[in-house]
Amino acid sequence: MAKDTFFCPKKTLNLRGKIINLSAPLVMGIVNITPDSFFDGGKHKTTWDVVKHAERMLEEGAHILDLGAASSRPGTGLIDPREEQERLLPVIKAILRRFPDTLLSVDTYNSETALVAVEAGAHMINDISAGNIDPAMFDTISRLQVPYVIMHMQGTPATMQKNPVYKDLIKEISLYFSEKIRNLNAMGVNDIILDPGFGFGKTVEHNYRLLDQLDFFRIFDLPLLVGVSRKSMITRVLGNTPAEALNGTTAVNTLAVLKGAHILRVHDVREAIEAIKIAEMLKSQSEFA
């Protein structure tokens, strides 16, 4: 019998009737529908381009696709929900028309966008602000009853990297999650995923302290999502660019899985799948297996 059930979780997510097992880590493929995201903004210019990108990720083994129509790179402002929906809704419909069994997450901080995205067929909502940008989000998620990713961010995308400071990084993030979880549970929301927010209101040193202590968040007994793909916490250490950061991303993803990540949010699916296989093999040989 496993000595540590955190490292052999028996958890599930209910994505609109589709039960997803989290006993092994999943890969969430990033599908940006933006002109200005930090790595691949503007790369997929048409709906057909996005569908082909989604197809490649699904062929490589992505379990969930995360569609984002608003950039959250450092320094960017907030998007108008109408503009966001104009980018997003045709893509949701096109992907589900071509690949009807695909599980879609929508990366949005706007409750109105969350509502129409789920009505169009999306299965879960990924909110970088955990309801801080749009206070109506919690009520919307409560009514929709879909899984909800709450991320920790200090400030907003426009301000988050302007000298972020913490007295106790892990404690402050934990208190943040505790309050959010309590409020969501009181509203009947139970399918909650935690994202500690690598790169969102954190220095490079904060990010690696967070990675080192990632397994602390098992106290919440909730799935943990990690998104480090090609971020500056990697490029600043290696002295390269996002385009050159795949190897570093794979290294950090492997460490994240060993520290308890249940979902990896990535630009590069095949490499993430391989990182999970290596990490899971190592974990299976440990005394906790």
C-alpha atoms as a PDB file:
ATOM      1  CA  MET A   1       0.000   0.000   0.000  1.00  0.00           C
ATOM      2  CA  ALA A   2       1.244   3.483  -0.769  1.00  0.00           C
ATOM      3  CA  LYS A   3       2.675   5.311   2.222  1.00  0.00           C
ATOM      4  CA  ASP A   4       1.927   8.710   0.776  1.00  0.00           C
ATOM      5  CA  THR A   5      -1.377   8.979  -1.073  1.00  0.00           C
ATOM      6  CA  PHE A   6      -0.439  12.438  -2.348  1.00  0.00           C
ATOM      7  CA  PHE A   7       2.092  10.814  -4.654  1.00  0.00           C
ATOM      8  CA  CYS A   8      -0.505   8.286  -5.805  1.00  0.00           C
ATOM      9  CA  PRO A   9      -3.631  10.448  -5.884  1.00  0.00           C
ATOM     10  CA  LYS A  10      -7.067   8.964  -6.390  1.00  0.00           C
ATOM     11  CA  LYS A  11      -8.769  12.092  -7.617  1.00  0.00           C
ATOM     12  CA  THR A  12     -11.142  12.844 -10.426  1.00  0.00           C
ATOM     13  CA  LEU A  13     -12.542  15.869 -12.191  1.00  0.00           C
ATOM     14  CA  ASN A  14     -16.075  15.999 -13.567  1.00  0.00           C
ATOM     15  CA  LEU A  15     -15.902  17.874 -16.853  1.00  0.00           C
ATOM     16  CA  ARG A  16     -19.585  18.135 -17.739  1.00  0.00           C
ATOM     17  CA  GLY A  17     -20.170  14.444 -17.190  1.00  0.00           C
ATOM     18  CA  LYS A  18     -16.773  13.289 -18.435  1.00  0.00           C
ATOM     19  CA  ILE A  19     -14.892  11.895 -15.446  1.00  0.00           C
ATOM     20  CA  ILE A  20     -11.156  12.501 -15.693  1.00  0.00           C
ATOM     21  CA  ASN A  21      -8.798  10.435 -13.566  1.00  0.00           C
ATOM     22  CA  LEU A  22      -5.863  12.279 -12.003  1.00  0.00           C
ATOM     23  CA  SER A  23      -4.055   9.203 -10.702  1.00  0.00           C
ATOM     24  CA  ALA A  24      -1.328  10.115 -13.222  1.00  0.00           C
ATOM     25  CA  PRO A  25      -0.461  13.683 -14.270  1.00  0.00           C
ATOM     26  CA  LEU A  26      -2.236  15.185 -17.268  1.00  0.00           C
ATOM     27  CA  VAL A  27      -1.029  17.555 -19.963  1.00  0.00           C
ATOM     28  CA  MET A  28      -2.954  20.715 -20.782  1.00  0.00           C
ATOM     29  CA  GLY A  29      -1.955  22.141 -24.146  1.00  0.00           C
ATOM     30  CA  ILE A  30      -1.815  25.934 -24.464  1.00  0.00           C
ATOM     31  CA  VAL A  31      -3.747  27.272 -27.445  1.00  0.00           C
ATOM     32  CA  ASN A  32      -3.241  31.026 -27.680  1.00  0.00           C
ATOM     33  CA  ILE A  33      -5.671  32.995 -29.818  1.00  0.00           C
ATOM     34  CA  THR A  34      -3.929  36.301 -29.239  1.00  0.00           C
ATOM     35  CA  PRO A  35      -1.730  38.686 -31.214  1.00  0.00           C
ATOM     36  CA  ASP A  36       0.561  39.433 -28.255  1.00  0.00           C
ATOM     37  CA  SER A  37       1.173  36.451 -25.969  1.00  0.00           C
ATOM     38  CA  PHE A  38       4.809  36.266 -24.867  1.00  0.00           C
ATOM     39  CA  PHE A  39       5.795  33.124 -26.798  1.00  0.00           C
ATOM     40  CA  ASP A  40       3.455  32.392 -29.708  1.00  0.00           C
ATOM     41  CA  GLY A  41       1.191  35.445 -29.913  1.00  0.00           C
ATOM     42  CA  GLY A  42       0.017  36.038 -33.469  1.00  0.00           C
ATOM     43  CA  LYS A  43       1.311  32.679 -34.686  1.00  0.00           C
ATOM     44  CA  HIS A  44      -2.146  31.231 -35.308  1.00  0.00           C
ATOM     45  CA  LYS A  45      -3.857  33.907 -37.384  1.00  0.00           C
ATOM     46  CA  THR A  46      -6.990  32.098 -38.538  1.00  0.00           C
ATOM     47  CA  THR A  47      -9.452  29.681 -36.998  1.00  0.00           C
ATOM     48  CA  TRP A  48      -8.114  26.995 -39.308  1.00  0.00           C
ATOM     49  CA  ASP A  49      -4.564  27.651 -38.036  1.00  0.00           C
ATOM     50  CA  VAL A  50      -5.792  27.177 -34.476  1.00  0.00           C
ATOM     51  CA  VAL A  51      -7.644  23.976 -35.340  1.00  0.00           C
ATOM     52  CA  LYS A  52      -4.516  22.521 -36.960  1.00  0.00           C
ATOM     53  CA  HIS A  53      -2.482  23.490 -33.889  1.00  0.00           C
ATOM     54  CA  ALA A  54      -5.079  21.818 -31.665  1.00  0.00           C
ATOM     55  CA  GLU A  55      -4.986  18.705 -33.852  1.00  0.00           C
ATOM     56  CA  ARG A  56      -1.216  18.438 -33.487  1.00  0.00           C
ATOM     57  CA  MET A  57      -1.474  18.734 -29.695  1.00  0.00           C
ATOM     58  CA  LEU A  58      -4.182  16.088 -29.518  1.00  0.00           C
ATOM     59  CA  GLU A  59      -2.135  13.737 -31.702  1.00  0.00           C
ATOM     60  CA  GLU A  60       0.812  14.209 -29.332  1.00  0.00           C
ATOM     61  CA  GLY A  61      -1.331  13.204 -26.374  1.00  0.00           C
ATOM     62  CA  ALA A  62      -2.787  16.359 -24.823  1.00  0.00           C
ATOM     63  CA  HIS A  63      -5.582  15.510 -22.392  1.00  0.00           C
ATOM     64  CA  ILE A  64      -7.049  19.037 -22.254  1.00  0.00           C
ATOM     65  CA  LEU A  65      -6.669  22.105 -24.456  1.00  0.00           C
ATOM     66  CA  ASP A  66      -6.586  25.513 -22.753  1.00  0.00           C
ATOM     67  CA  LEU A  67      -7.870  28.256 -25.051  1.00  0.00           C
ATOM     68  CA  GLY A  68      -6.781  31.807 -24.284  1.00  0.00           C
ATOM     69  CA  ALA A  69      -7.971  34.887 -26.139  1.00  0.00           C
ATOM     70  CA  ALA A  70      -6.411  37.479 -23.822  1.00  0.00           C
ATOM     71  CA  SER A  71      -2.691  37.874 -23.214  1.00  0.00           C
ATOM     72  CA  SER A  72      -1.552  37.928 -19.591  1.00  0.00           C
ATOM     73  CA  ARG A  73       2.121  38.628 -20.217  1.00  0.00           C
ATOM     74  CA  PRO A  74       3.707  41.109 -17.780  1.00  0.00           C
ATOM     75  CA  GLY A  75       2.696  44.714 -18.485  1.00  0.00           C
ATOM     76  CA  THR A  76      -0.399  43.971 -20.526  1.00  0.00           C
ATOM     77  CA  GLY A  77      -3.789  45.534 -19.851  1.00  0.00           C
ATOM     78  CA  LEU A  78      -7.162  43.848 -19.488  1.00  0.00           C
ATOM     79  CA  ILE A  79      -9.218  42.843 -22.503  1.00  0.00           C
ATOM     80  CA  ASP A  80     -12.799  43.820 -23.223  1.00  0.00           C
ATOM     81  CA  PRO A  81     -14.994  40.710 -22.914  1.00  0.00           C
ATOM     82  CA  ARG A  82     -16.587  41.323 -26.310  1.00  0.00           C
ATOM     83  CA  GLU A  83     -13.228  41.348 -28.081  1.00  0.00           C
ATOM     84  CA  GLU A  84     -12.220  38.236 -26.164  1.00  0.00           C
ATOM     85  CA  GLN A  85     -15.384  36.407 -27.185  1.00  0.00           C
ATOM     86  CA  GLU A  86     -15.031  37.402 -30.836  1.00  0.00           C
ATOM     87  CA  ARG A  87     -11.672  35.612 -30.880  1.00  0.00           C
ATOM     88  CA  LEU A  88     -12.698  32.687 -28.727  1.00  0.00           C
ATOM     89  CA  LEU A  89     -16.141  31.455 -29.701  1.00  0.00           C
ATOM     90  CA  PRO A  90     -15.424  30.572 -33.353  1.00  0.00           C
ATOM     91  CA  VAL A  91     -12.444  28.527 -32.187  1.00  0.00           C
ATOM     92  CA  ILE A  92     -14.425  26.596 -29.565  1.00  0.00           C
ATOM     93  CA  LYS A  93     -17.063  25.732 -32.146  1.00  0.00           C
ATOM     94  CA  ALA A  94     -14.514  24.796 -34.818  1.00  0.00           C
ATOM     95  CA  ILE A  95     -12.464  22.525 -32.545  1.00  0.00           C
ATOM     96  CA  LEU A  96     -15.517  20.726 -31.172  1.00  0.00           C
ATOM     97  CA  ARG A  97     -16.954  20.340 -34.644  1.00  0.00           C
ATOM     98  CA  ARG A  98     -13.721  18.692 -35.838  1.00  0.00           C
ATOM     99  CA  PHE A  99     -12.848  16.884 -32.589  1.00  0.00           C
ATOM    100  CA  PRO A 100     -16.093  16.505 -30.615  1.00  0.00           C
ATOM    101  CA  ASP A 101     -14.557  14.545 -27.728  1.00  0.00           C
ATOM    102  CA  THR A 102     -11.926  17.187 -26.952  1.00  0.00           C
ATOM    103  CA  LEU A 103     -11.876  18.555 -23.415  1.00  0.00           C
ATOM    104  CA  LEU A 104     -11.622  22.335 -23.548  1.00  0.00           C
ATOM    105  CA  SER A 105     -10.550  24.719 -20.833  1.00  0.00           C
ATOM    106  CA  VAL A 106     -10.962  28.472 -21.321  1.00  0.00           C
ATOM    107  CA  ASP A 107      -8.358  30.826 -19.884  1.00  0.00           C
ATOM    108  CA  THR A 108     -10.372  33.907 -18.894  1.00  0.00           C
ATOM    109  CA  TYR A 109     -10.862  36.296 -15.995  1.00  0.00           C
ATOM    110  CA  ASN A 110     -14.174  37.608 -17.377  1.00  0.00           C
ATOM    111  CA  SER A 111     -17.336  35.972 -16.021  1.00  0.00           C
ATOM    112  CA  GLU A 112     -19.334  36.858 -19.128  1.00  0.00           C
ATOM    113  CA  THR A 113     -16.769  35.073 -21.298  1.00  0.00           C
ATOM    114  CA  ALA A 114     -16.804  32.075 -18.965  1.00  0.00           C
ATOM    115  CA  LEU A 115     -20.569  31.829 -19.302  1.00  0.00           C
ATOM    116  CA  VAL A 116     -20.732  31.992 -23.094  1.00  0.00           C
ATOM    117  CA  ALA A 117     -17.704  29.707 -23.469  1.00  0.00           C
ATOM    118  CA  VAL A 118     -19.316  26.958 -21.406  1.00  0.00           C
ATOM    119  CA  GLU A 119     -22.587  27.455 -23.274  1.00  0.00           C
ATOM    120  CA  ALA A 120     -20.583  26.962 -26.496  1.00  0.00           C
ATOM    121  CA  GLY A 121     -19.166  23.661 -25.211  1.00  0.00           C
ATOM    122  CA  ALA A 122     -16.128  24.416 -23.015  1.00  0.00           C
ATOM    123  CA  HIS A 123     -15.658  22.097 -20.044  1.00  0.00           C
ATOM    124  CA  MET A 124     -13.713  24.137 -17.483  1.00  0.00           C
ATOM    125  CA  ILE A 125     -12.532  27.661 -16.657  1.00  0.00           C
ATOM    126  CA  ASN A 126      -8.970  28.721 -15.897  1.00  0.00           C
ATOM    127  CA  ASP A 127      -8.922  32.118 -14.125  1.00  0.00           C
ATOM    128  CA  ILE A 128      -5.547  33.771 -13.526  1.00  0.00           C
ATOM    129  CA  SER A 129      -7.164  36.197 -11.074  1.00  0.00           C
ATOM    130  CA  ALA A 130      -9.219  33.695  -9.036  1.00  0.00           C
ATOM    131  CA  GLY A 131     -12.177  36.062  -9.175  1.00  0.00           C
ATOM    132  CA  ASN A 132     -10.244  39.204  -8.253  1.00  0.00           C
ATOM    133  CA  ILE A 133     -10.598  40.935 -11.625  1.00  0.00           C
ATOM    134  CA  ASP A 134     -14.272  40.089 -12.073  1.00  0.00           C
ATOM    135  CA  PRO A 135     -16.114  39.607  -8.752  1.00  0.00           C
ATOM    136  CA  ALA A 136     -19.016  37.964 -10.593  1.00  0.00           C
ATOM    137  CA  MET A 137     -16.823  35.002 -11.568  1.00  0.00           C
ATOM    138  CA  PHE A 138     -17.443  32.907  -8.441  1.00  0.00           C
ATOM    139  CA  ASP A 139     -21.195  33.196  -8.810  1.00  0.00           C
ATOM    140  CA  THR A 140     -20.918  32.280 -12.492  1.00  0.00           C
ATOM    141  CA  ILE A 141     -18.825  29.196 -11.750  1.00  0.00           C
ATOM    142  CA  SER A 142     -21.292  28.204  -9.040  1.00  0.00           C
ATOM    143  CA  ARG A 143     -24.134  28.310 -11.565  1.00  0.00           C
ATOM    144  CA  LEU A 144     -22.162  26.573 -14.312  1.00  0.00           C
ATOM    145  CA  GLN A 145     -20.776  23.818 -12.032  1.00  0.00           C
ATOM    146  CA  VAL A 146     -17.632  23.250 -14.087  1.00  0.00           C
ATOM    147  CA  PRO A 147     -14.102  22.691 -12.777  1.00  0.00           C
ATOM    148  CA  TYR A 148     -12.387  25.968 -11.930  1.00  0.00           C
ATOM    149  CA  VAL A 149      -8.662  26.743 -11.840  1.00  0.00           C
ATOM    150  CA  ILE A 150      -7.782  29.440  -9.318  1.00  0.00           C
ATOM    151  CA  MET A 151      -4.332  30.934  -9.755  1.00  0.00           C
ATOM    152  CA  HIS A 152      -2.331  33.038  -7.333  1.00  0.00           C
ATOM    153  CA  MET A 153      -1.244  36.384  -8.732  1.00  0.00           C
ATOM    154  CA  GLN A 154       0.062  39.415  -6.889  1.00  0.00           C
ATOM    155  CA  GLY A 155      -1.502  42.447  -8.602  1.00  0.00           C
ATOM    156  CA  THR A 156      -2.691  42.340 -12.220  1.00  0.00           C
ATOM    157  CA  PRO A 157      -0.823  41.500 -15.432  1.00  0.00           C
ATOM    158  CA  ALA A 158      -0.099  45.221 -15.831  1.00  0.00           C
ATOM    159  CA  THR A 159       1.503  45.526 -12.384  1.00  0.00           C
ATOM    160  CA  MET A 160       2.463  42.052 -11.210  1.00  0.00           C
ATOM    161  CA  GLN A 161       6.174  42.209 -12.051  1.00  0.00           C
ATOM    162  CA  LYS A 162       6.772  45.680 -10.596  1.00  0.00           C
ATOM    163  CA  ASN A 163       8.900  44.682  -7.614  1.00  0.00           C
ATOM    164  CA  PRO A 164       6.821  41.832  -6.124  1.00  0.00           C
ATOM    165  CA  VAL A 165       7.522  41.423  -2.411  1.00  0.00           C
ATOM    166  CA  TYR A 166       6.500  38.759   0.119  1.00  0.00           C
ATOM    167  CA  LYS A 167       7.212  38.357   3.807  1.00  0.00           C
ATOM    168  CA  ASP A 168       6.545  34.611   3.561  1.00  0.00           C
ATOM    169  CA  LEU A 169       5.850  33.429   0.025  1.00  0.00           C
ATOM    170  CA  ILE A 170       4.394  29.994   0.751  1.00  0.00           C
ATOM    171  CA  LYS A 171       2.347  31.159   3.710  1.00  0.00           C
ATOM    172  CA  GLU A 172       0.841  34.074   1.775  1.00  0.00           C
ATOM    173  CA  ILE A 173      -0.097  31.912  -1.196  1.00  0.00           C
ATOM    174  CA  SER A 174      -1.590  29.315   1.154  1.00  0.00           C
ATOM    175  CA  LEU A 175      -3.703  31.905   2.952  1.00  0.00           C
ATOM    176  CA  TYR A 176      -4.847  33.223  -0.426  1.00  0.00           C
ATOM    177  CA  PHE A 177      -5.935  29.752  -1.507  1.00  0.00           C
ATOM    178  CA  SER A 178      -7.589  29.030   1.841  1.00  0.00           C
ATOM    179  CA  GLU A 179      -9.857  32.049   1.557  1.00  0.00           C
ATOM    180  CA  LYS A 180     -10.733  31.365  -2.074  1.00  0.00           C
ATOM    181  CA  ILE A 181     -11.483  27.698  -1.426  1.00  0.00           C
ATOM    182  CA  ARG A 182     -13.663  28.510   1.584  1.00  0.00           C
ATOM    183  CA  ASN A 183     -15.704  31.021  -0.418  1.00  0.00           C
ATOM    184  CA  LEU A 184     -16.089  28.694  -3.393  1.00  0.00           C
ATOM    185  CA  ASN A 185     -17.089  25.721  -1.238  1.00  0.00           C
ATOM    186  CA  ALA A 186     -19.719  27.881   0.464  1.00  0.00           C
ATOM    187  CA  MET A 187     -21.157  28.571  -3.001  1.00  0.00           C
ATOM    188  CA  GLY A 188     -21.276  24.880  -3.885  1.00  0.00           C
ATOM    189  CA  VAL A 189     -18.109  24.760  -6.018  1.00  0.00           C
ATOM    190  CA  ASN A 190     -16.035  21.675  -5.254  1.00  0.00           C
ATOM    191  CA  ASP A 191     -14.098  20.875  -8.456  1.00  0.00           C
ATOM    192  CA  ILE A 192     -11.273  23.333  -7.770  1.00  0.00           C
ATOM    193  CA  ILE A 193      -7.744  23.165  -9.184  1.00  0.00           C
ATOM    194  CA  LEU A 194      -4.921  25.194  -7.626  1.00  0.00           C
ATOM    195  CA  ASP A 195      -2.297  27.018  -9.699  1.00  0.00           C
ATOM    196  CA  PRO A 196       0.422  28.706  -7.594  1.00  0.00           C
ATOM    197  CA  GLY A 197       1.081  31.158 -10.423  1.00  0.00           C
ATOM    198  CA  PHE A 198       4.675  30.776 -11.534  1.00  0.00           C
ATOM    199  CA  GLY A 199       5.745  34.086 -13.082  1.00  0.00           C
ATOM    200  CA  PHE A 200       2.704  36.018 -11.901  1.00  0.00           C
ATOM    201  CA  GLY A 201       3.855  38.580  -9.364  1.00  0.00           C
ATOM    202  CA  LYS A 202       7.035  36.691  -8.487  1.00  0.00           C
ATOM    203  CA  THR A 203      10.760  37.161  -8.965  1.00  0.00           C
ATOM    204  CA  VAL A 204      12.968  34.394 -10.338  1.00  0.00           C
ATOM    205  CA  GLU A 205      13.982  33.573  -6.765  1.00  0.00           C
ATOM    206  CA  HIS A 206      10.321  33.440  -5.681  1.00  0.00           C
ATOM    207  CA  ASN A 207       9.565  31.028  -8.514  1.00  0.00           C
ATOM    208  CA  TYR A 208      12.293  28.575  -7.536  1.00  0.00           C
ATOM    209  CA  ARG A 209      11.392  28.766  -3.862  1.00  0.00           C
ATOM    210  CA  LEU A 210       7.847  27.952  -4.938  1.00  0.00           C
ATOM    211  CA  LEU A 211       9.052  25.020  -7.038  1.00  0.00           C
ATOM    212  CA  ASP A 212      11.160  23.722  -4.169  1.00  0.00           C
ATOM    213  CA  GLN A 213       8.187  23.794  -1.775  1.00  0.00           C
ATOM    214  CA  LEU A 214       5.471  22.881  -4.253  1.00  0.00           C
ATOM    215  CA  ASP A 215       4.542  19.739  -2.358  1.00  0.00           C
ATOM    216  CA  PHE A 216       3.468  21.883   0.596  1.00  0.00           C
ATOM    217  CA  PHE A 217       0.187  22.562  -1.206  1.00  0.00           C
ATOM    218  CA  ARG A 218      -0.902  18.952  -0.740  1.00  0.00           C
ATOM    219  CA  ILE A 219      -2.447  20.190   2.522  1.00  0.00           C
ATOM    220  CA  PHE A 220      -5.429  21.341   0.433  1.00  0.00           C
ATOM    221  CA  ASP A 221      -6.071  17.872  -1.014  1.00  0.00           C
ATOM    222  CA  LEU A 222      -6.874  19.442  -4.392  1.00  0.00           C
ATOM    223  CA  PRO A 223      -5.356  18.950  -7.853  1.00  0.00           C
ATOM    224  CA  LEU A 224      -2.345  21.140  -8.558  1.00  0.00           C
ATOM    225  CA  LEU A 225      -1.733  22.754 -11.948  1.00  0.00           C
ATOM    226  CA  VAL A 226       1.720  24.034 -12.894  1.00  0.00           C
ATOM    227  CA  GLY A 227       2.435  26.365 -15.799  1.00  0.00           C
ATOM    228  CA  VAL A 228       6.109  27.175 -16.339  1.00  0.00           C
ATOM    229  CA  SER A 229       6.328  26.663 -20.089  1.00  0.00           C
ATOM    230  CA  ARG A 230       9.100  28.807 -21.637  1.00  0.00           C
ATOM    231  CA  LYS A 231       8.722  31.465 -18.926  1.00  0.00           C
ATOM    232  CA  SER A 232      11.342  33.943 -17.770  1.00  0.00           C
ATOM    233  CA  MET A 233      12.078  31.898 -14.645  1.00  0.00           C
ATOM    234  CA  ILE A 234      13.766  29.549 -17.127  1.00  0.00           C
ATOM    235  CA  THR A 235      15.200  31.952 -19.681  1.00  0.00           C
ATOM    236  CA  ARG A 236      16.793  34.220 -17.075  1.00  0.00           C
ATOM    237  CA  VAL A 237      18.610  31.322 -15.467  1.00  0.00           C
ATOM    238  CA  LEU A 238      19.767  29.870 -18.786  1.00  0.00           C
ATOM    239  CA  GLY A 239      20.437  33.188 -20.532  1.00  0.00           C
ATOM    240  CA  ASN A 240      18.311  32.322 -23.547  1.00  0.00           C
ATOM    241  CA  THR A 241      14.961  33.207 -25.129  1.00  0.00           C
ATOM    242  CA  PRO A 242      11.501  31.632 -24.914  1.00  0.00           C
ATOM    243  CA  ALA A 243      12.126  30.068 -28.329  1.00  0.00           C
ATOM    244  CA  GLU A 244      15.224  28.350 -26.892  1.00  0.00           C
ATOM    245  CA  ALA A 245      13.679  27.335 -23.557  1.00  0.00           C
ATOM    246  CA  LEU A 246      12.159  23.945 -24.362  1.00  0.00           C
ATOM    247  CA  ASN A 247      14.908  21.933 -22.689  1.00  0.00           C
ATOM    248  CA  GLY A 248      14.738  24.070 -19.554  1.00  0.00           C
ATOM    249  CA  THR A 249      10.953  23.791 -19.550  1.00  0.00           C
ATOM    250  CA  THR A 250      11.172  20.003 -19.680  1.00  0.00           C
ATOM    251  CA  ALA A 251      13.588  19.990 -16.746  1.00  0.00           C
ATOM    252  CA  VAL A 252      11.318  22.171 -14.620  1.00  0.00           C
ATOM    253  CA  ASN A 253       8.212  20.189 -15.613  1.00  0.00           C
ATOM    254  CA  THR A 254       9.912  16.980 -14.506  1.00  0.00           C
ATOM    255  CA  LEU A 255      10.739  18.520 -11.130  1.00  0.00           C
ATOM    256  CA  ALA A 256       7.168  19.798 -10.805  1.00  0.00           C
ATOM    257  CA  VAL A 257       5.746  16.309 -11.330  1.00  0.00           C
ATOM    258  CA  LEU A 258       8.147  14.900  -8.750  1.00  0.00           C
ATOM    259  CA  LYS A 259       6.896  17.613  -6.373  1.00  0.00           C
ATOM    260  CA  GLY A 260       3.264  16.633  -6.916  1.00  0.00           C
ATOM    261  CA  ALA A 261       1.878  18.472  -9.955  1.00  0.00           C
ATOM    262  CA  HIS A 262      -1.268  16.829 -11.344  1.00  0.00           C
ATOM    263  CA  ILE A 263      -1.583  18.941 -14.519  1.00  0.00           C
ATOM    264  CA  LEU A 264       1.179  20.485 -16.631  1.00  0.00           C
ATOM    265  CA  ARG A 265       0.105  23.455 -18.747  1.00  0.00           C
ATOM    266  CA  VAL A 266       2.490  23.555 -21.709  1.00  0.00           C
ATOM    267  CA  HIS A 267       3.213  24.789 -25.218  1.00  0.00           C
ATOM    268  CA  ASP A 268       5.008  21.529 -26.095  1.00  0.00           C
ATOM    269  CA  VAL A 269       2.878  18.460 -25.476  1.00  0.00           C
ATOM    270  CA  ARG A 270       5.099  15.576 -26.582  1.00  0.00           C
ATOM    271  CA  GLU A 271       7.979  16.695 -24.398  1.00  0.00           C
ATOM    272  CA  ALA A 272       5.690  17.136 -21.386  1.00  0.00           C
ATOM    273  CA  ILE A 273       4.268  13.637 -21.868  1.00  0.00           C
ATOM    274  CA  GLU A 274       7.819  12.274 -21.876  1.00  0.00           C
ATOM    275  CA  ALA A 275       8.747  14.246 -18.746  1.00  0.00           C
ATOM    276  CA  ILE A 276       5.731  12.760 -16.958  1.00  0.00           C
ATOM    277  CA  LYS A 277       6.676   9.214 -17.994  1.00  0.00           C
ATOM    278  CA  ILE A 278      10.212   9.652 -16.638  1.00  0.00           C
ATOM    279  CA  ALA A 279       9.020  11.240 -13.385  1.00  0.00           C
ATOM    280  CA  GLU A 280       6.352   8.595 -12.858  1.00  0.00           C
ATOM    281  CA  MET A 281       8.865   5.821 -13.412  1.00  0.00           C
ATOM    282  CA  LEU A 282      11.167   7.332 -10.815  1.00  0.00           C
ATOM    283  CA  LYS A 283       8.309   7.758  -8.351  1.00  0.00           C
ATOM    284  CA  SER A 284       7.265   4.144  -8.852  1.00  0.00           C
ATOM    285  CA  GLN A 285      10.705   3.022  -7.693  1.00  0.00           C
ATOM    286  CA  SER A 286      10.732   5.121  -4.548  1.00  0.00           C
ATOM    287  CA  GLU A 287       9.854   3.987  -1.071  1.00  0.00           C
ATOM    288  CA  PHE A 288       6.561   5.878  -1.395  1.00  0.00           C
ATOM    289  CA  ALA A 289       5.341   3.755  -4.311  1.00  0.00           C
END
